[in-house]
């Protein structure tokens, strides 16, 4: 019966006429509909942009529509939605890619953006570093397309934004190219040679990737030597989660790449099997890898957290390592928050792609004329207190792959987790500084700040922003002496950061030191020029 119904539906739809192009006034109607819908039902999304600023952007697009081509209007709508800077609030990538995409997979490694995979007919370019797109320097091209991407933070852009760079419709709409092209020239570097290569466009369905890495097949090549597969890429399209015991080091490696249940095994059953193995075997170290985990259902997280808390032998510093990355997002951000809040995990890798507290769970809103689907978030997820919120979860220890490490199947992130001895390092510098401050050990605090902000192990931590956050919190709490001390100390280590001088000015002003406050504000203004 089900097959018969499906065939009848296919026959019916095949007889319907293709959707006719809509008029410019109808596009304008769609934009107004979207504007009114957001103000009426989703006004809470105005967190990172004000209603006045957003309406001004909407009005500018409204006035431009009569002079735009259809693909430019679609990109413009995507740009308007992306202004909210919440990844779940978006117009799907497939909407702006209807005119085709370049047959390449790009990846942003530590040492640059490379062609990680390509259609076999363009094998000459495999493994090349991208220098320019249509004659525009790669850095500038990225800046031009970024407004189209629903960017939560820099990591989100590195993970999910690069694909927009391969879409001619986006390149034209964002003025990387002067007109819509069906071929794009990339300037590449490979084996010491710089050359230009012209790529045609192909339909999106021809791409072959899993978790943003190339899946080699009869038409696609991966730059990685596929004779061997590192643990983090094992069973990539076969299993959402698996574990493997490394008996030589008594280490249990786990990769969880989704918070959805898999057809072959629910997460609840997987967790049960995982903890049964831990209890029955000599496991001294647990490495839990979520760097490819883009989310799912965060109600599935609870059994994992409960299981970890019930096993103090594993849940302690130096025995539990948690790997995050640029694809750690959505429900896996919730999981990461819970790991940070409740466990003793040492977090390693890259920062996550999600704000710690964020809007998710989007409602589909279909525009009446174009039938374009937009997704508008409605649920606020707050796992962290407001003063602990941040653009992302930063790891305790940062590690990112180079192109050559990926190509040769090395995993420097896992290597760090395997070999790091936490007895020799300060795992959480900010907490360490906080404890010294609360204990009144100011001399030791300044000594340790001076040392750690120069230590390469902590170069990923934006210490100046963390100190500014603490200073603002102390000011809100009326702890003026503490705020003055933090800002005064920070100006010694970051004398060229205007935000720190502004903070000092506010602390001085609140303390009644008007003349000194004015001097700090002047300094901030000079540095901002």
Protein backbone atom coordinates (compact mmCIF):
# COMPACT_ATOMS: atom_id res chain seq x y z
CA UNK A 1 0.00 0.00 0.00
CA UNK A 2 2.81 2.42 0.92
CA UNK A 3 4.63 1.86 -2.40
CA UNK A 4 1.42 2.42 -4.37
CA UNK A 5 0.74 5.69 -2.58
CA UNK A 6 4.29 6.88 -3.21
CA UNK A 7 4.02 6.12 -6.92
CA UNK A 8 0.72 7.98 -7.19
CA UNK A 9 2.20 11.03 -5.46
CA UNK A 10 5.24 11.00 -7.75
CA UNK A 11 2.97 10.81 -10.79
CA UNK A 12 0.84 13.68 -9.50
CA UNK A 13 3.80 15.96 -8.84
CA UNK A 14 5.40 15.13 -12.18
CA UNK A 15 2.30 16.48 -13.92
CA UNK A 16 2.36 19.80 -12.02
CA UNK A 17 3.89 22.75 -13.89
CA UNK A 18 7.27 24.00 -12.68
CA UNK A 19 7.03 27.02 -10.39
CA UNK A 20 7.02 30.18 -12.46
CA UNK A 21 9.43 33.00 -11.62
CA UNK A 22 7.86 35.51 -9.28
CA UNK A 23 7.83 39.26 -9.72
CA UNK A 24 10.10 41.70 -7.92
CA UNK A 25 7.13 43.05 -5.98
CA UNK A 26 6.36 39.51 -4.80
CA UNK A 27 9.94 39.17 -3.56
CA UNK A 28 9.43 42.42 -1.68
CA UNK A 29 6.20 41.03 -0.22
CA UNK A 30 8.14 37.97 1.00
CA UNK A 31 10.70 40.21 2.68
CA UNK A 32 7.99 42.24 4.44
CA UNK A 33 6.26 39.02 5.49
CA UNK A 34 9.52 37.77 7.01
CA UNK A 35 10.15 41.10 8.73
CA UNK A 36 6.68 41.18 10.29
CA UNK A 37 6.88 37.52 11.32
CA UNK A 38 10.15 38.05 13.17
CA UNK A 39 8.95 41.16 14.97
CA UNK A 40 5.68 39.46 15.93
CA UNK A 41 6.83 35.97 16.95
CA UNK A 42 10.64 36.01 17.24
CA UNK A 43 11.56 39.44 18.58
CA UNK A 44 13.65 37.72 21.28
CA UNK A 45 16.25 37.01 18.59
CA UNK A 46 17.36 40.65 18.78
CA UNK A 47 20.33 39.96 21.05
CA UNK A 48 23.36 40.59 18.86
CA UNK A 49 21.69 43.18 16.64
CA UNK A 50 19.08 45.78 17.56
CA UNK A 51 15.65 45.95 15.89
CA UNK A 52 16.54 49.37 14.47
CA UNK A 53 19.78 48.08 12.90
CA UNK A 54 18.08 45.00 11.49
CA UNK A 55 15.15 46.96 10.04
CA UNK A 56 17.61 49.29 8.32
CA UNK A 57 19.27 46.28 6.64
CA UNK A 58 15.85 44.95 5.62
CA UNK A 59 14.89 48.32 4.13
CA UNK A 60 18.13 48.50 2.16
CA UNK A 61 17.49 45.06 0.63
CA UNK A 62 13.84 45.98 -0.04
CA UNK A 63 14.92 49.00 -2.08
CA UNK A 64 17.57 46.98 -3.96
CA UNK A 65 15.30 44.08 -4.98
CA UNK A 66 13.97 45.67 -8.22
CA UNK A 67 17.55 45.82 -9.52
CA UNK A 68 18.69 42.37 -8.35
CA UNK A 69 18.72 38.99 -10.06
CA UNK A 70 16.91 36.10 -8.39
CA UNK A 71 20.08 34.52 -6.98
CA UNK A 72 21.12 37.88 -5.51
CA UNK A 73 17.75 38.20 -3.76
CA UNK A 74 18.09 34.71 -2.26
CA UNK A 75 21.59 35.48 -1.01
CA UNK A 76 20.28 38.80 0.31
CA UNK A 77 17.53 37.03 2.28
CA UNK A 78 20.11 34.63 3.69
CA UNK A 79 22.26 37.61 4.68
CA UNK A 80 19.30 39.24 6.46
CA UNK A 81 18.59 36.11 8.52
CA UNK A 82 22.28 35.58 9.27
CA UNK A 83 22.44 38.99 10.98
CA UNK A 84 21.00 37.33 14.10
CA UNK A 85 24.21 35.26 14.38
CA UNK A 86 22.55 32.10 15.68
CA UNK A 87 23.37 29.06 13.56
CA UNK A 88 19.94 27.47 13.94
CA UNK A 89 18.32 30.66 12.57
CA UNK A 90 19.05 30.41 8.88
CA UNK A 91 18.01 29.94 5.29
CA UNK A 92 19.36 26.51 4.25
CA UNK A 93 22.56 26.34 2.22
CA UNK A 94 20.69 24.48 -0.53
CA UNK A 95 18.66 27.64 -1.25
CA UNK A 96 21.67 29.68 -2.37
CA UNK A 97 23.37 26.83 -4.22
CA UNK A 98 20.66 26.10 -6.81
CA UNK A 99 22.89 27.41 -9.64
CA UNK A 100 25.63 24.93 -8.75
CA UNK A 101 28.77 24.57 -6.68
CA UNK A 102 32.45 24.03 -7.47
CA UNK A 103 33.44 20.33 -7.31
CA UNK A 104 35.91 20.80 -4.47
CA UNK A 105 35.95 20.24 -0.72
CA UNK A 106 37.88 22.88 1.16
CA UNK A 107 39.18 22.57 4.70
CA UNK A 108 40.73 25.24 6.88
CA UNK A 109 43.82 23.66 8.45
CA UNK A 110 46.17 25.36 10.90
CA UNK A 111 48.43 26.40 8.03
CA UNK A 112 45.79 27.52 5.53
CA UNK A 113 42.85 26.51 3.36
CA UNK A 114 43.50 23.47 1.18
CA UNK A 115 41.62 21.39 -1.36
CA UNK A 116 40.94 18.34 0.82
CA UNK A 117 38.94 16.53 -1.86
CA UNK A 118 38.03 16.97 -5.51
CA UNK A 119 36.32 15.31 -8.46
CA UNK A 120 38.76 13.04 -10.25
CA UNK A 121 38.75 15.11 -13.45
CA UNK A 122 40.43 17.90 -11.47
CA UNK A 123 43.01 15.70 -9.71
CA UNK A 124 45.79 18.17 -10.53
CA UNK A 125 44.42 20.47 -7.82
CA UNK A 126 44.13 17.88 -5.04
CA UNK A 127 46.06 19.01 -1.98
CA UNK A 128 46.66 22.51 -3.31
CA UNK A 129 46.55 25.53 -1.01
CA UNK A 130 43.97 28.16 -2.02
CA UNK A 131 45.51 31.63 -2.39
CA UNK A 132 42.83 33.53 -4.32
CA UNK A 133 39.23 33.14 -5.45
CA UNK A 134 38.42 34.84 -8.76
CA UNK A 135 41.52 36.98 -8.31
CA UNK A 136 40.57 38.07 -4.78
CA UNK A 137 42.96 37.22 -1.93
CA UNK A 138 41.53 34.36 0.15
CA UNK A 139 41.31 36.44 3.33
CA UNK A 140 39.31 39.16 1.57
CA UNK A 141 37.06 36.63 -0.19
CA UNK A 142 36.25 35.02 3.16
CA UNK A 143 35.38 38.41 4.66
CA UNK A 144 33.04 39.12 1.74
CA UNK A 145 31.04 35.90 2.03
CA UNK A 146 30.92 35.80 5.83
CA UNK A 147 27.74 37.93 6.13
CA UNK A 148 25.78 35.24 4.26
CA UNK A 149 26.69 32.57 6.81
CA UNK A 150 24.63 32.28 10.05
CA UNK A 151 27.83 32.65 12.04
CA UNK A 152 27.76 31.97 15.79
CA UNK A 153 31.51 32.44 16.13
CA UNK A 154 34.77 32.08 14.20
CA UNK A 155 34.73 28.32 14.64
CA UNK A 156 31.26 28.03 13.10
CA UNK A 157 32.55 29.92 10.07
CA UNK A 158 35.59 27.65 9.74
CA UNK A 159 33.38 24.57 9.97
CA UNK A 160 30.26 25.49 8.03
CA UNK A 161 31.12 28.70 6.20
CA UNK A 162 33.84 27.55 3.81
CA UNK A 163 31.36 25.78 1.51
CA UNK A 164 29.80 29.18 0.67
CA UNK A 165 33.15 30.11 -0.87
CA UNK A 166 32.53 27.49 -3.59
CA UNK A 167 29.11 28.86 -4.65
CA UNK A 168 29.19 31.19 -7.70
CA UNK A 169 25.79 32.69 -6.75
CA UNK A 170 27.20 33.78 -3.39
CA UNK A 171 30.46 34.98 -4.92
CA UNK A 172 28.59 37.25 -7.32
CA UNK A 173 26.02 38.52 -4.82
CA UNK A 174 28.81 39.37 -2.36
CA UNK A 175 30.90 41.07 -5.07
CA UNK A 176 33.75 38.59 -5.19
CA UNK A 177 32.94 38.31 -8.92
CA UNK A 178 31.50 41.08 -11.10
CA UNK A 179 28.88 38.84 -12.70
CA UNK A 180 27.35 35.39 -12.21
CA UNK A 181 29.78 32.85 -13.63
CA UNK A 182 29.40 29.12 -14.22
CA UNK A 183 33.18 28.78 -13.94
CA UNK A 184 35.43 30.15 -11.21
CA UNK A 185 39.21 30.55 -11.28
CA UNK A 186 41.10 29.63 -8.11
CA UNK A 187 44.74 30.61 -7.64
CA UNK A 188 46.48 27.63 -6.06
CA UNK A 189 49.86 26.62 -4.67
CA UNK A 190 51.15 23.06 -4.79
CA UNK A 191 54.66 21.62 -4.57
CA UNK A 192 56.15 25.11 -4.67
CA UNK A 193 54.28 26.04 -7.87
CA UNK A 194 51.59 28.73 -8.06
CA UNK A 195 49.00 28.29 -10.81
CA UNK A 196 45.44 29.18 -11.77
CA UNK A 197 42.78 26.56 -12.31
CA UNK A 198 39.27 27.01 -13.71
CA UNK A 199 36.57 24.94 -12.02
CA UNK A 200 33.13 24.39 -13.58
CA UNK A 201 29.98 24.12 -11.47
CA UNK A 202 28.19 20.88 -10.65
CA UNK A 203 24.89 20.14 -8.88
CA UNK A 204 25.12 19.99 -5.08
CA UNK A 205 23.96 16.36 -5.12
CA UNK A 206 27.22 15.36 -6.83
CA UNK A 207 29.30 16.24 -3.76
CA UNK A 208 30.64 13.33 -1.73
CA UNK A 209 31.40 14.05 1.91
CA UNK A 210 30.69 12.97 5.44
CA UNK A 211 31.13 15.29 8.43
CA UNK A 212 32.76 17.69 5.94
CA UNK A 213 35.50 15.30 4.91
CA UNK A 214 35.63 13.73 1.46
CA UNK A 215 34.27 10.22 1.07
CA UNK A 216 36.30 8.76 -1.85
CA UNK A 217 34.33 6.91 -4.53
CA UNK A 218 34.44 6.28 -8.27
CA UNK A 219 34.32 10.02 -9.01
CA UNK A 220 35.86 11.68 -5.92
CA UNK A 221 39.40 11.73 -4.52
CA UNK A 222 40.55 12.46 -0.97
CA UNK A 223 43.98 13.92 -0.27
CA UNK A 224 44.27 11.67 2.76
CA UNK A 225 46.07 8.35 2.39
CA UNK A 226 43.08 6.03 2.80
CA UNK A 227 45.18 2.89 3.33
CA UNK A 228 44.96 3.77 7.01
CA UNK A 229 42.20 5.45 9.00
CA UNK A 230 42.80 7.39 12.24
CA UNK A 231 40.37 6.73 15.07
CA UNK A 232 38.46 9.99 14.73
CA UNK A 233 37.54 9.14 11.11
CA UNK A 234 36.80 5.46 11.65
CA UNK A 235 33.34 4.19 10.58
CA UNK A 236 32.59 7.77 9.52
CA UNK A 237 29.35 7.09 7.67
CA UNK A 238 28.59 3.77 9.33
CA UNK A 239 28.37 4.52 13.05
CA UNK A 240 27.40 7.58 15.03
CA UNK A 241 29.35 6.29 18.01
CA UNK A 242 31.88 3.61 18.87
CA UNK A 243 34.67 2.86 21.33
CA UNK A 244 38.00 1.10 21.07
CA UNK A 245 40.29 -0.11 23.86
CA UNK A 246 43.98 0.73 23.52
CA UNK A 247 45.38 -1.98 25.77
CA UNK A 248 49.01 -0.80 25.72
CA UNK A 249 48.07 2.38 27.57
CA UNK A 250 44.87 1.15 29.25
CA UNK A 251 43.02 3.90 27.40
CA UNK A 252 39.46 3.75 26.15
CA UNK A 253 38.85 5.94 23.11
CA UNK A 254 35.24 6.92 22.36
CA UNK A 255 33.98 8.86 19.37
CA UNK A 256 30.44 10.22 19.48
CA UNK A 257 29.59 12.10 16.29
CA UNK A 258 25.87 12.65 16.90
CA UNK A 259 23.42 13.15 19.74
CA UNK A 260 20.74 11.39 17.70
CA UNK A 261 20.02 7.69 18.09
CA UNK A 262 21.33 5.41 15.36
CA UNK A 263 19.11 2.78 13.74
CA UNK A 264 21.44 0.03 14.93
CA UNK A 265 21.69 1.16 18.58
CA UNK A 266 20.19 3.90 20.74
CA UNK A 267 22.48 6.22 22.65
CA UNK A 268 21.05 4.91 25.92
CA UNK A 269 22.06 1.37 24.97
CA UNK A 270 25.45 2.58 23.74
CA UNK A 271 26.13 4.31 27.06
CA UNK A 272 25.06 1.19 28.92
CA UNK A 273 27.45 -0.93 26.84
CA UNK A 274 30.22 1.65 27.28
CA UNK A 275 30.01 1.74 31.07
CA UNK A 276 29.69 -2.02 31.28
CA UNK A 277 33.00 -2.27 29.41
CA UNK A 278 34.66 0.32 31.69
CA UNK A 279 33.51 -1.56 34.79
CA UNK A 280 34.74 -4.91 33.48
CA UNK A 281 38.15 -3.80 32.20
CA UNK A 282 41.25 -2.02 33.44
CA UNK A 283 40.58 1.45 32.05
CA UNK A 284 42.89 4.12 33.44
CA UNK A 285 42.15 6.86 30.91
CA UNK A 286 38.97 7.78 29.04
CA UNK A 287 39.23 9.93 25.91
CA UNK A 288 35.84 11.12 24.72
CA UNK A 289 35.93 12.67 21.23
CA UNK A 290 33.07 14.94 20.07
CA UNK A 291 34.99 17.09 17.60
CA UNK A 292 32.71 15.93 14.73
CA UNK A 293 29.48 16.05 16.74
CA UNK A 294 27.01 18.52 15.22
CA UNK A 295 24.21 17.85 17.70
CA UNK A 296 20.89 16.05 17.88
CA UNK A 297 18.60 15.60 20.88
CA UNK A 298 20.14 16.94 24.08
CA UNK A 299 17.74 14.88 26.21
CA UNK A 300 19.96 11.94 25.22
CA UNK A 301 22.89 13.40 27.22
CA UNK A 302 21.71 12.53 30.72
CA UNK A 303 22.76 8.82 30.88
CA UNK A 304 26.32 9.72 29.91
CA UNK A 305 26.64 12.40 32.60
CA UNK A 306 25.13 10.13 35.25
CA UNK A 307 27.42 7.28 34.25
CA UNK A 308 30.53 9.46 34.47
CA UNK A 309 29.59 10.87 37.87
CA UNK A 310 29.08 7.35 39.18
CA UNK A 311 32.69 6.41 38.29
CA UNK A 312 35.15 8.58 40.25
CA UNK A 313 38.03 6.38 39.16
CA UNK A 314 37.62 7.74 35.61
CA UNK A 315 36.02 11.09 36.39
CA UNK A 316 39.10 12.81 37.76
CA UNK A 317 41.75 15.18 36.44
CA UNK A 318 44.25 13.46 34.23
CA UNK A 319 42.07 10.39 33.65
CA UNK A 320 39.22 11.91 31.63
CA UNK A 321 39.93 13.89 28.46
CA UNK A 322 37.23 15.44 26.29
CA UNK A 323 38.04 16.46 22.70
CA UNK A 324 36.08 19.32 21.11
CA UNK A 325 36.35 21.00 17.73
CA UNK A 326 34.85 23.31 15.14
CA UNK A 327 31.97 20.90 14.44
CA UNK A 328 30.98 20.59 18.12
CA UNK A 329 27.60 22.27 17.94
CA UNK A 330 23.95 22.44 19.03
CA UNK A 331 22.95 19.55 21.36
CA UNK A 332 26.63 18.66 21.63
CA UNK A 333 27.26 22.16 22.97
CA UNK A 334 24.71 21.29 25.67
CA UNK A 335 26.67 18.10 26.33
CA UNK A 336 29.92 20.05 26.46
CA UNK A 337 28.38 22.49 28.94
CA UNK A 338 27.33 19.59 31.15
CA UNK A 339 30.78 18.02 30.90
CA UNK A 340 32.32 21.36 31.91
CA UNK A 341 29.82 21.93 34.73
CA UNK A 342 29.72 18.50 36.35
CA UNK A 343 32.82 16.48 35.49
CA UNK A 344 36.59 16.71 35.95
CA UNK A 345 37.31 16.48 32.22
CA UNK A 346 40.33 18.15 30.70
CA UNK A 347 39.11 19.66 27.43
CA UNK A 348 41.48 19.44 24.46
CA UNK A 349 41.33 20.43 20.79
CA UNK A 350 39.64 23.45 19.25
CA UNK A 351 36.86 25.72 20.48
CA UNK A 352 33.26 24.76 19.75
CA UNK A 353 31.06 26.17 16.97
CA UNK A 354 28.27 27.27 19.32
CA UNK A 355 27.78 29.94 21.95
CA UNK A 356 27.63 28.41 25.43
CA UNK A 357 24.08 29.73 25.84
CA UNK A 358 22.19 29.91 22.55
CA UNK A 359 18.93 29.95 20.62
CA UNK A 360 18.11 26.63 18.94
CA UNK A 361 15.11 24.48 17.94
CA UNK A 362 13.97 26.41 14.89
CA UNK A 363 10.46 26.78 13.48
CA UNK A 364 10.11 26.49 9.70
CA UNK A 365 8.56 29.59 8.15
CA UNK A 366 7.76 29.36 4.43
CA UNK A 367 7.70 32.62 2.48
CA UNK A 368 4.34 32.93 0.69
CA UNK A 369 5.45 33.74 -2.86
CA UNK A 370 8.91 32.23 -3.34
CA UNK A 371 8.17 29.25 -1.05
CA UNK A 372 11.65 29.61 0.40
CA UNK A 373 11.93 27.97 3.81
CA UNK A 374 13.46 29.99 6.62
CA UNK A 375 14.25 28.54 10.03
CA UNK A 376 13.76 30.78 13.04
CA UNK A 377 14.88 29.66 16.49
CA UNK A 378 12.43 29.75 19.38
CA UNK A 379 14.14 27.96 22.31
CA UNK A 380 16.75 29.59 24.55
CA UNK A 381 19.18 27.05 26.01
CA UNK A 382 21.01 28.37 29.06
CA UNK A 383 23.26 25.82 30.71
CA UNK A 384 25.67 28.44 32.03
CA UNK A 385 25.09 31.50 34.18
CA UNK A 386 24.94 34.76 32.18
CA UNK A 387 28.38 35.89 33.40
CA UNK A 388 29.89 32.57 32.30
CA UNK A 389 28.41 32.78 28.82
CA UNK A 390 30.90 33.00 25.96
CA UNK A 391 31.06 32.80 22.18
CA UNK A 392 32.28 29.20 22.51
CA UNK A 393 33.72 26.64 24.88
CA UNK A 394 37.48 27.07 24.68
CA UNK A 395 39.57 23.99 25.40
CA UNK A 396 41.95 23.91 28.32
CA UNK A 397 44.67 22.97 25.83
CA UNK A 398 44.47 23.97 22.18
CA UNK A 399 45.54 21.74 19.30
CA UNK A 400 44.74 22.02 15.60
CA UNK A 401 45.80 19.86 12.65
CA UNK A 402 48.12 21.02 9.90
CA UNK A 403 47.42 19.98 6.33
CA UNK A 404 50.32 17.54 6.27
CA UNK A 405 49.21 15.92 9.53
CA UNK A 406 45.77 15.29 8.06
CA UNK A 407 47.16 14.02 4.75
CA UNK A 408 49.40 11.50 6.52
CA UNK A 409 46.74 10.34 9.02
CA UNK A 410 48.34 11.86 12.08
CA UNK A 411 46.12 13.02 14.94
CA UNK A 412 47.98 15.60 17.03
CA UNK A 413 44.86 16.21 19.14
CA UNK A 414 44.60 12.58 20.24
CA UNK A 415 48.38 12.48 20.73
CA UNK A 416 48.13 15.41 23.15
CA UNK A 417 45.32 13.71 25.08
CA UNK A 418 47.35 10.49 25.26
CA UNK A 419 50.56 12.12 26.46
CA UNK A 420 49.59 15.14 28.57
CA UNK A 421 50.46 14.86 32.26
CA UNK A 422 48.21 17.33 34.05
CA UNK A 423 50.38 17.25 37.16
CA UNK A 424 52.91 19.36 35.27
CA UNK A 425 50.55 22.12 34.10
CA UNK A 426 47.80 24.47 35.27
CA UNK A 427 44.68 23.07 33.62
CA UNK A 428 42.39 26.08 34.09
CA UNK A 429 44.35 29.38 34.28
CA UNK A 430 41.24 31.54 34.76
CA UNK A 431 40.10 29.48 37.73
CA UNK A 432 43.67 29.54 39.05
CA UNK A 433 43.75 33.35 38.81
CA UNK A 434 40.33 33.58 40.47
CA UNK A 435 41.44 31.53 43.45
CA UNK A 436 44.56 33.67 43.90
CA UNK A 437 42.45 36.83 43.71
CA UNK A 438 39.91 35.57 46.24
CA UNK A 439 42.76 34.53 48.56
CA UNK A 440 44.31 37.99 48.36
CA UNK A 441 47.54 36.62 46.86
CA UNK A 442 47.99 39.56 44.49
CA UNK A 443 51.75 39.30 44.09
CA UNK A 444 51.50 35.65 43.06
CA UNK A 445 48.53 36.50 40.81
CA UNK A 446 50.48 39.10 38.83
CA UNK A 447 53.52 36.84 38.63
CA UNK A 448 51.44 33.93 37.26
CA UNK A 449 49.50 36.14 34.85
CA UNK A 450 52.78 37.47 33.42
CA UNK A 451 54.05 33.90 32.94
CA UNK A 452 50.93 32.17 31.59
CA UNK A 453 49.84 34.77 29.04
CA UNK A 454 53.19 34.18 27.29
CA UNK A 455 53.05 30.37 27.50
CA UNK A 456 52.29 28.84 24.04
CA UNK A 457 50.15 26.22 25.77
CA UNK A 458 47.58 28.91 26.57
CA UNK A 459 47.83 31.13 23.49
CA UNK A 460 44.26 30.26 22.49
CA UNK A 461 42.81 31.84 25.64
CA UNK A 462 41.74 35.51 25.18
CA UNK A 463 42.99 36.52 28.61
CA UNK A 464 42.26 40.22 28.06
CA UNK A 465 38.59 39.43 27.32
CA UNK A 466 38.38 37.17 30.35
CA UNK A 467 39.80 39.89 32.61
CA UNK A 468 37.38 42.41 31.08
CA UNK A 469 34.49 40.01 31.77
CA UNK A 470 35.55 39.67 35.41
CA UNK A 471 35.99 43.44 35.74
CA UNK A 472 32.48 44.07 34.39
CA UNK A 473 31.02 41.49 36.77
CA UNK A 474 32.75 43.08 39.77
CA UNK A 475 31.45 46.50 38.72
CA UNK A 476 27.88 45.18 38.49
CA UNK A 477 28.25 43.70 41.96
CA UNK A 478 29.49 47.02 43.32
CA UNK A 479 32.92 45.62 44.17
CA UNK A 480 34.75 48.74 43.03
CA UNK A 481 38.12 48.00 44.62
CA UNK A 482 38.23 44.60 42.96
CA UNK A 483 37.23 46.04 39.56
CA UNK A 484 39.86 48.77 39.86
CA UNK A 485 42.55 46.24 40.70
CA UNK A 486 41.65 43.89 37.80
CA UNK A 487 41.54 46.67 35.22
CA UNK A 488 44.70 48.36 36.52
CA UNK A 489 46.56 45.05 36.44
CA UNK A 490 45.29 44.23 32.94
CA UNK A 491 46.44 47.56 31.48
CA UNK A 492 49.99 46.55 32.45
CA UNK A 493 49.80 43.36 30.38
CA UNK A 494 47.53 44.66 27.59
CA UNK A 495 48.36 48.38 27.31
CA UNK A 496 47.05 48.65 23.73
CA UNK A 497 43.55 47.20 24.19
CA UNK A 498 40.95 50.02 24.22
CA UNK A 499 38.25 47.91 25.93
CA UNK A 500 40.47 47.47 28.98
CA UNK A 501 41.05 51.23 29.27
CA UNK A 502 37.28 51.81 28.91
CA UNK A 503 36.73 49.34 31.73
CA UNK A 504 39.28 51.12 33.88
CA UNK A 505 37.57 54.42 33.10
CA UNK A 506 34.19 53.04 34.21
CA UNK A 507 35.71 51.62 37.42
CA UNK A 508 37.43 54.95 38.20
CA UNK A 509 34.26 56.90 37.43
CA UNK A 510 32.18 54.65 39.70
CA UNK A 511 34.78 55.20 42.44
CA UNK A 512 34.42 58.97 42.15
CA UNK A 513 37.84 59.45 40.56
CA UNK A 514 36.56 61.65 37.75
CA UNK A 515 39.87 63.12 36.57
CA UNK A 516 41.60 59.73 36.34
CA UNK A 517 38.52 58.27 34.62
CA UNK A 518 38.66 60.96 31.94
CA UNK A 519 42.29 60.10 31.27
CA UNK A 520 41.46 56.42 30.84
CA UNK A 521 38.61 57.20 28.43
CA UNK A 522 40.89 59.47 26.37
CA UNK A 523 43.47 56.67 26.19
CA UNK A 524 40.77 54.22 25.03
CA UNK A 525 39.64 56.65 22.33
CA UNK A 526 43.18 57.15 21.09
CA UNK A 527 43.75 53.39 20.84
CA UNK A 528 40.47 52.93 18.96
CA UNK A 529 41.55 55.21 16.10
